[in-house]
Amino acid sequence: MGLESLDEFLKKFYTDRGKDKTLIDLHLHTNYSDGFISGKSLLHYLEDKNYLIAVTDHNAIGGNILLRKLGINVIPGIELGCCDGFELLVYFASEDDMVYFYKGYVEPNKNKIRMAKTTKDIEYYLTALKNFECYKSIPHIAGVAQKNFIKNKDYIYNVIGRVDAIEIHNHALPNSRNLIAEDIQKKYNLGITFGSDSHFMDEVKSFYNYINEIKAKKSIAEDYFQKVKLLGGLGQKHLVYGLKGLEK
């Protein structure tokens, strides 16, 4: 998983600073959706690195815009959530296109209770995206539970025929699930994306170590604590979002 394996649409956002270190992460979440990653923490982490990153917040673009204001050449992107739980990573050619799409097709259709969902289905979004220069990728296609689209979305093969890529490595998933995704990508001869699907900076760093083949020792206790932190943090964020929606 390197820069050379990606489509030119994505590679044009690569920032080469002449550094020895490189981070490529096409799927991460900031504190503008259910993540806990701030713009300043990313800015600091990228100081000594070449990078190609995409902030893909759930039905939100504020974090993406903020990073660009901070001077980070981030790929304009979003993770669309459909009414049945299907999700789609969309990368735009420009911030203007991202904002226009968000204002016209996402913001008016937000689910007031569920952060990761809207009130529209994937057909609605695929049709709307025909009007934009963008690159579409299916994330965690063989994920866990409701995110296992291969098993629980009977229209998945129709969607596969209408996207540009499959996410072949999602760092939040077991390797066995990613291998299934890679097999699907090869079978349908699609492009690839990959990323940490991170919500905390620790996960960004873990993915960086992984793609650069840096062995980082982690105890069982540390691994358990990280998972508890992730589940607890995500649960809290989604609960707060839902409660605010009920108040409106």
Foldseek 3Di string as FASTA:
>chain_A
DDLVQFDPLQNVLWFCPVAPAEAEAEAEEDPVALFPHALVNVVVVCPRYTYRYEHAHQLDQPRVVVNVVVVRSYFRWYWYAEPQGFIKIKTASDVVLSVVCSVPPRVVFCDQQFRNYGHHHPVVVLVVCVVGHIAMEGELCCAPDSNVVVPPPPCVVVVVVRGAEYALEAQVGDNVSSPVRVVVCVVSVHGYDYHDNHRDVVSSVVVSCVVVVNDDDDDPVRVVVVVVCSVVSSVVRSRVSNVSSVVD
